[in-house]
Amino acid sequence: MENYSKALRLRIYISSTDKLKHSLLFETIVYQAKRYGLAGATVYKGIMGYGASSVIHSYKFWEITEKLPVTVEVVDKEENIRNFYDKIKPFLEDMRYGCMVTAEPIEVWLYKEGTKRD
């Protein structure tokens, strides 16, 4: 990624408990983004939300299961994001439960690599 460049932000709205085979879906998406060399990916955990099912899920400290809304956000050049989405789309379409995927153009003002910690 270059500074002051055009990019695309992909957002995938899923649940924290969604799985792909035996792995958490949000983890699989981030590892795949890294594998495909995308600029960056972040997972955000919500404290409350609902989707197409209209079932509200919220965080309560006394609950044993933690089924919460999760957003996976991936940023890179438009072509790279579109190619990545084409790779993961079959997994999302085959999910038992619902999800939503959005994309929006953004401007990258600063993309600076840091040094790795020892």
PDB file of N, CA and C in Angstrom:
ATOM      1  N   MET A   1       0.851  -1.179   0.000  1.00  0.00           N
ATOM      2  CA  MET A   1       0.000   0.000   0.000  1.00  0.00           C
ATOM      3  C   MET A   1       0.890   1.233   0.000  1.00  0.00           C
ATOM      4  N   GLU A   2       0.423   2.234  -0.690  1.00  0.00           N
ATOM      5  CA  GLU A   2       1.147   3.493  -0.753  1.00  0.00           C
ATOM      6  C   GLU A   2       0.366   4.563  -0.006  1.00  0.00           C
ATOM      7  N   ASN A   3       1.088   5.521   0.559  1.00  0.00           N
ATOM      8  CA  ASN A   3       0.425   6.642   1.214  1.00  0.00           C
ATOM      9  C   ASN A   3      -0.324   7.478   0.182  1.00  0.00           C
ATOM     10  N   TYR A   4      -1.437   8.034   0.596  1.00  0.00           N
ATOM     11  CA  TYR A   4      -2.300   8.858  -0.256  1.00  0.00           C
ATOM     12  C   TYR A   4      -2.748   8.109  -1.509  1.00  0.00           C
ATOM     13  N   SER A   5      -3.161   6.869  -1.296  1.00  0.00           N
ATOM     14  CA  SER A   5      -3.648   6.058  -2.408  1.00  0.00           C
ATOM     15  C   SER A   5      -5.107   5.684  -2.181  1.00  0.00           C
ATOM     16  N   LYS A   6      -5.765   5.301  -3.247  1.00  0.00           N
ATOM     17  CA  LYS A   6      -7.148   4.821  -3.173  1.00  0.00           C
ATOM     18  C   LYS A   6      -7.117   3.352  -2.773  1.00  0.00           C
ATOM     19  N   ALA A   7      -8.097   2.946  -1.980  1.00  0.00           N
ATOM     20  CA  ALA A   7      -8.168   1.556  -1.528  1.00  0.00           C
ATOM     21  C   ALA A   7      -9.637   1.188  -1.334  1.00  0.00           C
ATOM     22  N   LEU A   8      -9.855  -0.056  -0.937  1.00  0.00           N
ATOM     23  CA  LEU A   8     -11.200  -0.546  -0.671  1.00  0.00           C
ATOM     24  C   LEU A   8     -11.208  -1.174   0.717  1.00  0.00           C
ATOM     25  N   ARG A   9     -12.263  -0.873   1.496  1.00  0.00           N
ATOM     26  CA  ARG A   9     -12.435  -1.483   2.811  1.00  0.00           C
ATOM     27  C   ARG A   9     -13.556  -2.510   2.712  1.00  0.00           C
ATOM     28  N   LEU A  10     -13.223  -3.752   2.986  1.00  0.00           N
ATOM     29  CA  LEU A  10     -14.185  -4.849   2.993  1.00  0.00           C
ATOM     30  C   LEU A  10     -14.593  -5.083   4.439  1.00  0.00           C
ATOM     31  N   ARG A  11     -15.899  -5.137   4.697  1.00  0.00           N
ATOM     32  CA  ARG A  11     -16.395  -5.433   6.038  1.00  0.00           C
ATOM     33  C   ARG A  11     -17.289  -6.663   5.968  1.00  0.00           C
ATOM     34  N   ILE A  12     -17.014  -7.601   6.851  1.00  0.00           N
ATOM     35  CA  ILE A  12     -17.776  -8.839   6.912  1.00  0.00           C
ATOM     36  C   ILE A  12     -18.396  -8.920   8.299  1.00  0.00           C
ATOM     37  N   TYR A  13     -19.728  -8.921   8.352  1.00  0.00           N
ATOM     38  CA  TYR A  13     -20.463  -8.960   9.611  1.00  0.00           C
ATOM     39  C   TYR A  13     -20.905 -10.396   9.867  1.00  0.00           C
ATOM     40  N   ILE A  14     -20.387 -10.982  10.928  1.00  0.00           N
ATOM     41  CA  ILE A  14     -20.694 -12.366  11.280  1.00  0.00           C
ATOM     42  C   ILE A  14     -20.876 -12.449  12.791  1.00  0.00           C
ATOM     43  N   SER A  15     -20.932 -13.669  13.300  1.00  0.00           N
ATOM     44  CA  SER A  15     -21.044 -13.898  14.739  1.00  0.00           C
ATOM     45  C   SER A  15     -19.720 -14.426  15.272  1.00  0.00           C
ATOM     46  N   SER A  16     -19.450 -14.161  16.531  1.00  0.00           N
ATOM     47  CA  SER A  16     -18.213 -14.628  17.147  1.00  0.00           C
ATOM     48  C   SER A  16     -18.151 -16.150  17.240  1.00  0.00           C
ATOM     49  N   THR A  17     -19.289 -16.817  17.101  1.00  0.00           N
ATOM     50  CA  THR A  17     -19.314 -18.278  17.212  1.00  0.00           C
ATOM     51  C   THR A  17     -19.378 -18.985  15.856  1.00  0.00           C
ATOM     52  N   ASP A  18     -19.446 -18.239  14.756  1.00  0.00           N
ATOM     53  CA  ASP A  18     -19.490 -18.857  13.431  1.00  0.00           C
ATOM     54  C   ASP A  18     -18.190 -19.606  13.172  1.00  0.00           C
ATOM     55  N   LYS A  19     -18.332 -20.792  12.599  1.00  0.00           N
ATOM     56  CA  LYS A  19     -17.159 -21.629  12.353  1.00  0.00           C
ATOM     57  C   LYS A  19     -17.077 -22.045  10.898  1.00  0.00           C
ATOM     58  N   LEU A  20     -15.863 -22.324  10.486  1.00  0.00           N
ATOM     59  CA  LEU A  20     -15.589 -22.935   9.194  1.00  0.00           C
ATOM     60  C   LEU A  20     -14.846 -24.225   9.513  1.00  0.00           C
ATOM     61  N   LYS A  21     -15.546 -25.325   9.348  1.00  0.00           N
ATOM     62  CA  LYS A  21     -15.058 -26.636   9.802  1.00  0.00           C
ATOM     63  C   LYS A  21     -14.852 -26.556  11.318  1.00  0.00           C
ATOM     64  N   HIS A  22     -13.595 -26.615  11.804  1.00  0.00           N
ATOM     65  CA  HIS A  22     -13.358 -26.609  13.244  1.00  0.00           C
ATOM     66  C   HIS A  22     -12.719 -25.312  13.732  1.00  0.00           C
ATOM     67  N   SER A  23     -12.621 -24.322  12.860  1.00  0.00           N
ATOM     68  CA  SER A  23     -11.980 -23.053  13.218  1.00  0.00           C
ATOM     69  C   SER A  23     -13.009 -21.932  13.259  1.00  0.00           C
ATOM     70  N   LEU A  24     -12.730 -20.944  14.078  1.00  0.00           N
ATOM     71  CA  LEU A  24     -13.600 -19.768  14.096  1.00  0.00           C
ATOM     72  C   LEU A  24     -13.475 -19.039  12.764  1.00  0.00           C
ATOM     73  N   LEU A  25     -14.606 -18.638  12.210  1.00  0.00           N
ATOM     74  CA  LEU A  25     -14.622 -18.031  10.885  1.00  0.00           C
ATOM     75  C   LEU A  25     -13.823 -16.738  10.840  1.00  0.00           C
ATOM     76  N   PHE A  26     -13.956 -15.897  11.861  1.00  0.00           N
ATOM     77  CA  PHE A  26     -13.234 -14.622  11.816  1.00  0.00           C
ATOM     78  C   PHE A  26     -11.727 -14.844  11.822  1.00  0.00           C
ATOM     79  N   GLU A  27     -11.252 -15.873  12.539  1.00  0.00           N
ATOM     80  CA  GLU A  27      -9.823 -16.180  12.532  1.00  0.00           C
ATOM     81  C   GLU A  27      -9.381 -16.677  11.156  1.00  0.00           C
ATOM     82  N   THR A  28     -10.192 -17.527  10.560  1.00  0.00           N
ATOM     83  CA  THR A  28      -9.871 -18.053   9.236  1.00  0.00           C
ATOM     84  C   THR A  28      -9.761 -16.939   8.212  1.00  0.00           C
ATOM     85  N   ILE A  29     -10.680 -15.976   8.263  1.00  0.00           N
ATOM     86  CA  ILE A  29     -10.655 -14.857   7.318  1.00  0.00           C
ATOM     87  C   ILE A  29      -9.379 -14.042   7.483  1.00  0.00           C
ATOM     88  N   VAL A  30      -9.004 -13.746   8.729  1.00  0.00           N
ATOM     89  CA  VAL A  30      -7.787 -12.949   8.967  1.00  0.00           C
ATOM     90  C   VAL A  30      -6.545 -13.713   8.500  1.00  0.00           C
ATOM     91  N   TYR A  31      -6.464 -14.999   8.822  1.00  0.00           N
ATOM     92  CA  TYR A  31      -5.305 -15.787   8.376  1.00  0.00           C
ATOM     93  C   TYR A  31      -5.249 -15.867   6.850  1.00  0.00           C
ATOM     94  N   GLN A  32      -6.401 -15.966   6.195  1.00  0.00           N
ATOM     95  CA  GLN A  32      -6.421 -15.997   4.730  1.00  0.00           C
ATOM     96  C   GLN A  32      -5.993 -14.644   4.151  1.00  0.00           C
ATOM     97  N   ALA A  33      -6.436 -13.556   4.772  1.00  0.00           N
ATOM     98  CA  ALA A  33      -6.024 -12.223   4.316  1.00  0.00           C
ATOM     99  C   ALA A  33      -4.507 -12.084   4.407  1.00  0.00           C
ATOM    100  N   LYS A  34      -3.936 -12.560   5.493  1.00  0.00           N
ATOM    101  CA  LYS A  34      -2.478 -12.523   5.667  1.00  0.00           C
ATOM    102  C   LYS A  34      -1.802 -13.391   4.605  1.00  0.00           C
ATOM    103  N   ARG A  35      -2.361 -14.579   4.383  1.00  0.00           N
ATOM    104  CA  ARG A  35      -1.801 -15.503   3.390  1.00  0.00           C
ATOM    105  C   ARG A  35      -1.798 -14.891   1.992  1.00  0.00           C
ATOM    106  N   TYR A  36      -2.855 -14.135   1.653  1.00  0.00           N
ATOM    107  CA  TYR A  36      -2.950 -13.510   0.337  1.00  0.00           C
ATOM    108  C   TYR A  36      -2.184 -12.193   0.260  1.00  0.00           C
ATOM    109  N   GLY A  37      -1.524 -11.808   1.343  1.00  0.00           N
ATOM    110  CA  GLY A  37      -0.669 -10.630   1.335  1.00  0.00           C
ATOM    111  C   GLY A  37      -1.402  -9.302   1.362  1.00  0.00           C
ATOM    112  N   LEU A  38      -2.625  -9.292   1.895  1.00  0.00           N
ATOM    113  CA  LEU A  38      -3.371  -8.040   1.956  1.00  0.00           C
ATOM    114  C   LEU A  38      -2.759  -7.097   2.991  1.00  0.00           C
ATOM    115  N   ALA A  39      -3.008  -5.801   2.828  1.00  0.00           N
ATOM    116  CA  ALA A  39      -2.357  -4.783   3.639  1.00  0.00           C
ATOM    117  C   ALA A  39      -2.682  -4.910   5.123  1.00  0.00           C
ATOM    118  N   GLY A  40      -3.927  -5.246   5.470  1.00  0.00           N
ATOM    119  CA  GLY A  40      -4.256  -5.357   6.880  1.00  0.00           C
ATOM    120  C   GLY A  40      -5.656  -5.869   7.112  1.00  0.00           C
ATOM    121  N   ALA A  41      -5.857  -6.465   8.280  1.00  0.00           N
ATOM    122  CA  ALA A  41      -7.168  -6.972   8.678  1.00  0.00           C
ATOM    123  C   ALA A  41      -7.320  -6.791  10.181  1.00  0.00           C
ATOM    124  N   THR A  42      -8.529  -6.454  10.609  1.00  0.00           N
ATOM    125  CA  THR A  42      -8.828  -6.265  12.019  1.00  0.00           C
ATOM    126  C   THR A  42     -10.190  -6.862  12.312  1.00  0.00           C
ATOM    127  N   VAL A  43     -10.337  -7.456  13.498  1.00  0.00           N
ATOM    128  CA  VAL A  43     -11.613  -8.000  13.939  1.00  0.00           C
ATOM    129  C   VAL A  43     -12.118  -7.135  15.085  1.00  0.00           C
ATOM    130  N   TYR A  44     -13.368  -6.694  14.975  1.00  0.00           N
ATOM    131  CA  TYR A  44     -14.016  -5.906  16.019  1.00  0.00           C
ATOM    132  C   TYR A  44     -15.141  -6.736  16.624  1.00  0.00           C
ATOM    133  N   LYS A  45     -15.172  -6.797  17.949  1.00  0.00           N
ATOM    134  CA  LYS A  45     -16.237  -7.521  18.633  1.00  0.00           C
ATOM    135  C   LYS A  45     -17.243  -6.511  19.167  1.00  0.00           C
ATOM    136  N   GLY A  46     -18.505  -6.707  18.795  1.00  0.00           N
ATOM    137  CA  GLY A  46     -19.561  -5.830  19.257  1.00  0.00           C
ATOM    138  C   GLY A  46     -20.092  -6.259  20.611  1.00  0.00           C
ATOM    139  N   ILE A  47     -20.770  -5.350  21.288  1.00  0.00           N
ATOM    140  CA  ILE A  47     -21.370  -5.702  22.573  1.00  0.00           C
ATOM    141  C   ILE A  47     -22.870  -5.950  22.437  1.00  0.00           C
ATOM    142  N   MET A  48     -23.428  -5.549  21.284  1.00  0.00           N
ATOM    143  CA  MET A  48     -24.843  -5.792  21.049  1.00  0.00           C
ATOM    144  C   MET A  48     -25.137  -5.616  19.569  1.00  0.00           C
ATOM    145  N   GLY A  49     -26.063  -6.424  19.057  1.00  0.00           N
ATOM    146  CA  GLY A  49     -26.448  -6.265  17.664  1.00  0.00           C
ATOM    147  C   GLY A  49     -27.430  -7.329  17.227  1.00  0.00           C
ATOM    148  N   TYR A  50     -27.944  -7.150  15.993  1.00  0.00           N
ATOM    149  CA  TYR A  50     -28.814  -8.149  15.378  1.00  0.00           C
ATOM    150  C   TYR A  50     -28.649  -8.056  13.880  1.00  0.00           C
ATOM    151  N   GLY A  51     -29.076  -9.110  13.207  1.00  0.00           N
ATOM    152  CA  GLY A  51     -28.964  -9.149  11.761  1.00  0.00           C
ATOM    153  C   GLY A  51     -30.286  -9.490  11.127  1.00  0.00           C
ATOM    154  N   ALA A  52     -30.219 -10.180   9.995  1.00  0.00           N
ATOM    155  CA  ALA A  52     -31.420 -10.499   9.229  1.00  0.00           C
ATOM    156  C   ALA A  52     -32.403 -11.355  10.024  1.00  0.00           C
ATOM    157  N   SER A  53     -31.903 -12.123  10.994  1.00  0.00           N
ATOM    158  CA  SER A  53     -32.787 -12.978  11.798  1.00  0.00           C
ATOM    159  C   SER A  53     -33.583 -12.174  12.820  1.00  0.00           C
ATOM    160  N   SER A  54     -33.188 -10.934  13.056  1.00  0.00           N
ATOM    161  CA  SER A  54     -33.808 -10.042  14.049  1.00  0.00           C
ATOM    162  C   SER A  54     -33.654 -10.524  15.483  1.00  0.00           C
ATOM    163  N   VAL A  55     -32.754 -11.470  15.732  1.00  0.00           N
ATOM    164  CA  VAL A  55     -32.462 -11.917  17.093  1.00  0.00           C
ATOM    165  C   VAL A  55     -31.371 -11.020  17.659  1.00  0.00           C
ATOM    166  N   ILE A  56     -31.647 -10.393  18.783  1.00  0.00           N
ATOM    167  CA  ILE A  56     -30.664  -9.503  19.399  1.00  0.00           C
ATOM    168  C   ILE A  56     -29.719 -10.328  20.261  1.00  0.00           C
ATOM    169  N   HIS A  57     -28.424 -10.102  20.057  1.00  0.00           N
ATOM    170  CA  HIS A  57     -27.383 -10.726  20.865  1.00  0.00           C
ATOM    171  C   HIS A  57     -26.658  -9.609  21.597  1.00  0.00           C
ATOM    172  N   SER A  58     -26.431  -9.813  22.893  1.00  0.00           N
ATOM    173  CA  SER A  58     -25.728  -8.790  23.657  1.00  0.00           C
ATOM    174  C   SER A  58     -24.810  -9.440  24.672  1.00  0.00           C
ATOM    175  N   TYR A  59     -23.832  -8.679  25.132  1.00  0.00           N
ATOM    176  CA  TYR A  59     -22.872  -9.154  26.110  1.00  0.00           C
ATOM    177  C   TYR A  59     -23.434  -8.940  27.509  1.00  0.00           C
ATOM    178  N   LYS A  60     -23.479 -10.017  28.265  1.00  0.00           N
ATOM    179  CA  LYS A  60     -23.837  -9.940  29.670  1.00  0.00           C
ATOM    180  C   LYS A  60     -22.812 -10.799  30.401  1.00  0.00           C
ATOM    181  N   PHE A  61     -22.177 -10.228  31.402  1.00  0.00           N
ATOM    182  CA  PHE A  61     -21.046 -10.900  32.028  1.00  0.00           C
ATOM    183  C   PHE A  61     -21.406 -12.240  32.662  1.00  0.00           C
ATOM    184  N   TRP A  62     -22.661 -12.495  32.926  1.00  0.00           N
ATOM    185  CA  TRP A  62     -23.041 -13.755  33.555  1.00  0.00           C
ATOM    186  C   TRP A  62     -23.364 -14.856  32.554  1.00  0.00           C
ATOM    187  N   GLU A  63     -23.374 -14.552  31.263  1.00  0.00           N
ATOM    188  CA  GLU A  63     -23.678 -15.575  30.268  1.00  0.00           C
ATOM    189  C   GLU A  63     -22.469 -16.480  30.033  1.00  0.00           C
ATOM    190  N   ILE A  64     -22.729 -17.763  29.866  1.00  0.00           N
ATOM    191  CA  ILE A  64     -21.652 -18.724  29.626  1.00  0.00           C
ATOM    192  C   ILE A  64     -21.178 -18.645  28.176  1.00  0.00           C
ATOM    193  N   THR A  65     -22.104 -18.643  27.235  1.00  0.00           N
ATOM    194  CA  THR A  65     -21.708 -18.541  25.831  1.00  0.00           C
ATOM    195  C   THR A  65     -21.628 -17.074  25.439  1.00  0.00           C
ATOM    196  N   GLU A  66     -20.716 -16.778  24.577  1.00  0.00           N
ATOM    197  CA  GLU A  66     -20.517 -15.399  24.165  1.00  0.00           C
ATOM    198  C   GLU A  66     -20.755 -15.270  22.669  1.00  0.00           C
ATOM    199  N   LYS A  67     -22.007 -15.355  22.244  1.00  0.00           N
ATOM    200  CA  LYS A  67     -22.360 -15.192  20.840  1.00  0.00           C
ATOM    201  C   LYS A  67     -22.598 -13.702  20.616  1.00  0.00           C
ATOM    202  N   LEU A  68     -21.620 -13.052  20.025  1.00  0.00           N
ATOM    203  CA  LEU A  68     -21.663 -11.608  19.830  1.00  0.00           C
ATOM    204  C   LEU A  68     -21.422 -11.262  18.370  1.00  0.00           C
ATOM    205  N   PRO A  69     -21.900 -10.087  17.964  1.00  0.00           N
ATOM    206  CA  PRO A  69     -21.605  -9.654  16.599  1.00  0.00           C
ATOM    207  C   PRO A  69     -20.116  -9.361  16.442  1.00  0.00           C
ATOM    208  N   VAL A  70     -19.583  -9.728  15.284  1.00  0.00           N
ATOM    209  CA  VAL A  70     -18.177  -9.505  14.970  1.00  0.00           C
ATOM    210  C   VAL A  70     -18.092  -8.892  13.573  1.00  0.00           C
ATOM    211  N   THR A  71     -17.225  -7.925  13.424  1.00  0.00           N
ATOM    212  CA  THR A  71     -16.952  -7.336  12.121  1.00  0.00           C
ATOM    213  C   THR A  71     -15.491  -7.586  11.776  1.00  0.00           C
ATOM    214  N   VAL A  72     -15.250  -8.176  10.624  1.00  0.00           N
ATOM    215  CA  VAL A  72     -13.889  -8.355  10.120  1.00  0.00           C
ATOM    216  C   VAL A  72     -13.693  -7.290   9.049  1.00  0.00           C
ATOM    217  N   GLU A  73     -12.667  -6.478   9.223  1.00  0.00           N
ATOM    218  CA  GLU A  73     -12.410  -5.384   8.293  1.00  0.00           C
ATOM    219  C   GLU A  73     -11.067  -5.634   7.620  1.00  0.00           C
ATOM    220  N   VAL A  74     -11.064  -5.591   6.287  1.00  0.00           N
ATOM    221  CA  VAL A  74      -9.849  -5.841   5.511  1.00  0.00           C
ATOM    222  C   VAL A  74      -9.665  -4.670   4.546  1.00  0.00           C
ATOM    223  N   VAL A  75      -8.436  -4.153   4.478  1.00  0.00           N
ATOM    224  CA  VAL A  75      -8.139  -3.001   3.622  1.00  0.00           C
ATOM    225  C   VAL A  75      -6.990  -3.334   2.686  1.00  0.00           C
ATOM    226  N   ASP A  76      -7.153  -2.972   1.426  1.00  0.00           N
ATOM    227  CA  ASP A  76      -6.079  -3.097   0.439  1.00  0.00           C
ATOM    228  C   ASP A  76      -6.547  -2.418  -0.847  1.00  0.00           C
ATOM    229  N   LYS A  77      -5.747  -2.550  -1.889  1.00  0.00           N
ATOM    230  CA  LYS A  77      -6.137  -2.030  -3.200  1.00  0.00           C
ATOM    231  C   LYS A  77      -7.404  -2.742  -3.655  1.00  0.00           C
ATOM    232  N   GLU A  78      -8.222  -2.050  -4.438  1.00  0.00           N
ATOM    233  CA  GLU A  78      -9.511  -2.592  -4.858  1.00  0.00           C
ATOM    234  C   GLU A  78      -9.380  -3.954  -5.535  1.00  0.00           C
ATOM    235  N   GLU A  79      -8.454  -4.090  -6.438  1.00  0.00           N
ATOM    236  CA  GLU A  79      -8.296  -5.355  -7.161  1.00  0.00           C
ATOM    237  C   GLU A  79      -7.977  -6.502  -6.199  1.00  0.00           C
ATOM    238  N   ASN A  80      -7.100  -6.241  -5.226  1.00  0.00           N
ATOM    239  CA  ASN A  80      -6.731  -7.277  -4.259  1.00  0.00           C
ATOM    240  C   ASN A  80      -7.918  -7.678  -3.383  1.00  0.00           C
ATOM    241  N   ILE A  81      -8.713  -6.693  -2.966  1.00  0.00           N
ATOM    242  CA  ILE A  81      -9.885  -6.979  -2.129  1.00  0.00           C
ATOM    243  C   ILE A  81     -10.906  -7.783  -2.923  1.00  0.00           C
ATOM    244  N   ARG A  82     -11.153  -7.396  -4.160  1.00  0.00           N
ATOM    245  CA  ARG A  82     -12.122  -8.125  -4.985  1.00  0.00           C
ATOM    246  C   ARG A  82     -11.681  -9.579  -5.214  1.00  0.00           C
ATOM    247  N   ASN A  83     -10.401  -9.784  -5.471  1.00  0.00           N
ATOM    248  CA  ASN A  83      -9.884 -11.142  -5.652  1.00  0.00           C
ATOM    249  C   ASN A  83     -10.001 -11.952  -4.363  1.00  0.00           C
ATOM    250  N   PHE A  84      -9.699 -11.317  -3.234  1.00  0.00           N
ATOM    251  CA  PHE A  84      -9.810 -11.994  -1.942  1.00  0.00           C
ATOM    252  C   PHE A  84     -11.266 -12.370  -1.655  1.00  0.00           C
ATOM    253  N   TYR A  85     -12.179 -11.448  -1.912  1.00  0.00           N
ATOM    254  CA  TYR A  85     -13.590 -11.743  -1.672  1.00  0.00           C
ATOM    255  C   TYR A  85     -14.062 -12.919  -2.537  1.00  0.00           C
ATOM    256  N   ASP A  86     -13.625 -12.950  -3.774  1.00  0.00           N
ATOM    257  CA  ASP A  86     -13.990 -14.073  -4.643  1.00  0.00           C
ATOM    258  C   ASP A  86     -13.524 -15.406  -4.052  1.00  0.00           C
ATOM    259  N   LYS A  87     -12.390 -15.403  -3.346  1.00  0.00           N
ATOM    260  CA  LYS A  87     -11.866 -16.627  -2.735  1.00  0.00           C
ATOM    261  C   LYS A  87     -12.689 -17.054  -1.523  1.00  0.00           C
ATOM    262  N   ILE A  88     -13.136 -16.090  -0.699  1.00  0.00           N
ATOM    263  CA  ILE A  88     -13.837 -16.442   0.542  1.00  0.00           C
ATOM    264  C   ILE A  88     -15.355 -16.471   0.385  1.00  0.00           C
ATOM    265  N   LYS A  89     -15.867 -15.951  -0.715  1.00  0.00           N
ATOM    266  CA  LYS A  89     -17.321 -15.891  -0.928  1.00  0.00           C
ATOM    267  C   LYS A  89     -18.003 -17.258  -0.787  1.00  0.00           C
ATOM    268  N   PRO A  90     -17.453 -18.336  -1.351  1.00  0.00           N
ATOM    269  CA  PRO A  90     -18.121 -19.638  -1.192  1.00  0.00           C
ATOM    270  C   PRO A  90     -18.280 -20.056   0.274  1.00  0.00           C
ATOM    271  N   PHE A  91     -17.299 -19.749   1.116  1.00  0.00           N
ATOM    272  CA  PHE A  91     -17.397 -20.083   2.535  1.00  0.00           C
ATOM    273  C   PHE A  91     -18.525 -19.302   3.202  1.00  0.00           C
ATOM    274  N   LEU A  92     -18.651 -18.035   2.836  1.00  0.00           N
ATOM    275  CA  LEU A  92     -19.691 -17.192   3.430  1.00  0.00           C
ATOM    276  C   LEU A  92     -21.075 -17.621   2.952  1.00  0.00           C
ATOM    277  N   GLU A  93     -21.183 -17.969   1.680  1.00  0.00           N
ATOM    278  CA  GLU A  93     -22.479 -18.395   1.135  1.00  0.00           C
ATOM    279  C   GLU A  93     -22.925 -19.740   1.702  1.00  0.00           C
ATOM    280  N   ASP A  94     -21.980 -20.582   2.099  1.00  0.00           N
ATOM    281  CA  ASP A  94     -22.309 -21.900   2.644  1.00  0.00           C
ATOM    282  C   ASP A  94     -22.546 -21.892   4.154  1.00  0.00           C
ATOM    283  N   MET A  95     -22.399 -20.738   4.784  1.00  0.00           N
ATOM    284  CA  MET A  95     -22.603 -20.665   6.231  1.00  0.00           C
ATOM    285  C   MET A  95     -24.029 -21.052   6.598  1.00  0.00           C
ATOM    286  N   ARG A  96     -24.155 -21.703   7.734  1.00  0.00           N
ATOM    287  CA  ARG A  96     -25.478 -22.078   8.230  1.00  0.00           C
ATOM    288  C   ARG A  96     -26.286 -20.848   8.627  1.00  0.00           C
ATOM    289  N   TYR A  97     -25.600 -19.903   9.255  1.00  0.00           N
ATOM    290  CA  TYR A  97     -26.277 -18.692   9.710  1.00  0.00           C
ATOM    291  C   TYR A  97     -25.946 -17.530   8.779  1.00  0.00           C
ATOM    292  N   GLY A  98     -26.612 -16.427   8.969  1.00  0.00           N
ATOM    293  CA  GLY A  98     -26.456 -15.295   8.066  1.00  0.00           C
ATOM    294  C   GLY A  98     -25.197 -14.483   8.283  1.00  0.00           C
ATOM    295  N   CYS A  99     -24.942 -13.640   7.304  1.00  0.00           N
ATOM    296  CA  CYS A  99     -23.846 -12.689   7.387  1.00  0.00           C
ATOM    297  C   CYS A  99     -24.147 -11.550   6.426  1.00  0.00           C
ATOM    298  N   MET A 100     -23.357 -10.517   6.486  1.00  0.00           N
ATOM    299  CA  MET A 100     -23.482  -9.417   5.538  1.00  0.00           C
ATOM    300  C   MET A 100     -22.072  -8.957   5.173  1.00  0.00           C
ATOM    301  N   VAL A 101     -21.871  -8.618   3.901  1.00  0.00           N
ATOM    302  CA  VAL A 101     -20.579  -8.147   3.427  1.00  0.00           C
ATOM    303  C   VAL A 101     -20.794  -6.808   2.738  1.00  0.00           C
ATOM    304  N   THR A 102     -19.978  -5.824   3.107  1.00  0.00           N
ATOM    305  CA  THR A 102     -20.037  -4.516   2.457  1.00  0.00           C
ATOM    306  C   THR A 102     -18.625  -4.126   2.012  1.00  0.00           C
ATOM    307  N   ALA A 103     -18.567  -3.191   1.086  1.00  0.00           N
ATOM    308  CA  ALA A 103     -17.285  -2.644   0.645  1.00  0.00           C
ATOM    309  C   ALA A 103     -17.478  -1.166   0.367  1.00  0.00           C
ATOM    310  N   GLU A 104     -16.452  -0.405   0.668  1.00  0.00           N
ATOM    311  CA  GLU A 104     -16.522   1.022   0.393  1.00  0.00           C
ATOM    312  C   GLU A 104     -15.146   1.555   0.036  1.00  0.00           C
ATOM    313  N   PRO A 105     -15.099   2.499  -0.899  1.00  0.00           N
ATOM    314  CA  PRO A 105     -13.817   3.092  -1.266  1.00  0.00           C
ATOM    315  C   PRO A 105     -13.318   3.987  -0.137  1.00  0.00           C
ATOM    316  N   ILE A 106     -12.017   3.943   0.079  1.00  0.00           N
ATOM    317  CA  ILE A 106     -11.391   4.785   1.102  1.00  0.00           C
ATOM    318  C   ILE A 106     -10.107   5.374   0.540  1.00  0.00           C
ATOM    319  N   GLU A 107      -9.530   6.321   1.268  1.00  0.00           N
ATOM    320  CA  GLU A 107      -8.221   6.872   0.942  1.00  0.00           C
ATOM    321  C   GLU A 107      -7.261   6.509   2.059  1.00  0.00           C
ATOM    322  N   VAL A 108      -6.133   5.940   1.705  1.00  0.00           N
ATOM    323  CA  VAL A 108      -5.104   5.617   2.685  1.00  0.00           C
ATOM    324  C   VAL A 108      -4.176   6.817   2.775  1.00  0.00           C
ATOM    325  N   TRP A 109      -4.133   7.438   3.916  1.00  0.00           N
ATOM    326  CA  TRP A 109      -3.286   8.609   4.105  1.00  0.00           C
ATOM    327  C   TRP A 109      -1.910   8.242   4.631  1.00  0.00           C
ATOM    328  N   LEU A 110      -1.854   7.197   5.448  1.00  0.00           N
ATOM    329  CA  LEU A 110      -0.572   6.760   5.979  1.00  0.00           C
ATOM    330  C   LEU A 110      -0.587   5.257   6.146  1.00  0.00           C
ATOM    331  N   TYR A 111       0.370   4.590   5.557  1.00  0.00           N
ATOM    332  CA  TYR A 111       0.559   3.161   5.745  1.00  0.00           C
ATOM    333  C   TYR A 111       2.027   2.974   6.031  1.00  0.00           C
ATOM    334  N   LYS A 112       2.343   2.825   7.283  1.00  0.00           N
ATOM    335  CA  LYS A 112       3.726   2.788   7.731  1.00  0.00           C
ATOM    336  C   LYS A 112       4.000   1.464   8.431  1.00  0.00           C
ATOM    337  N   GLU A 113       5.001   0.758   7.964  1.00  0.00           N
ATOM    338  CA  GLU A 113       5.387  -0.479   8.617  1.00  0.00           C
ATOM    339  C   GLU A 113       6.182  -0.155   9.863  1.00  0.00           C
ATOM    340  N   GLY A 114       5.923  -0.886  10.914  1.00  0.00           N
ATOM    341  CA  GLY A 114       6.671  -0.724  12.152  1.00  0.00           C
ATOM    342  C   GLY A 114       7.723  -1.785  12.279  1.00  0.00           C
ATOM    343  N   THR A 115       8.531  -1.674  13.301  1.00  0.00           N
ATOM    344  CA  THR A 115       9.525  -2.707  13.575  1.00  0.00           C
ATOM    345  C   THR A 115       8.884  -3.776  14.446  1.00  0.00           C
ATOM    346  N   LYS A 116       9.289  -4.991  14.241  1.00  0.00           N
ATOM    347  CA  LYS A 116       8.754  -6.105  15.020  1.00  0.00           C
ATOM    348  C   LYS A 116       9.407  -6.136  16.389  1.00  0.00           C
ATOM    349  N   ARG A 117       8.597  -6.503  17.375  1.00  0.00           N
ATOM    350  CA  ARG A 117       9.107  -6.632  18.742  1.00  0.00           C
ATOM    351  C   ARG A 117       9.839  -7.963  18.888  1.00  0.00           C
ATOM    352  N   ASP A 118      10.848  -7.958  19.728  1.00  0.00           N
ATOM    353  CA  ASP A 118      11.596  -9.209  19.983  1.00  0.00           C
ATOM    354  C   ASP A 118      10.853 -10.095  20.933  1.00  0.00           C
TER     355      ASP A 118
END
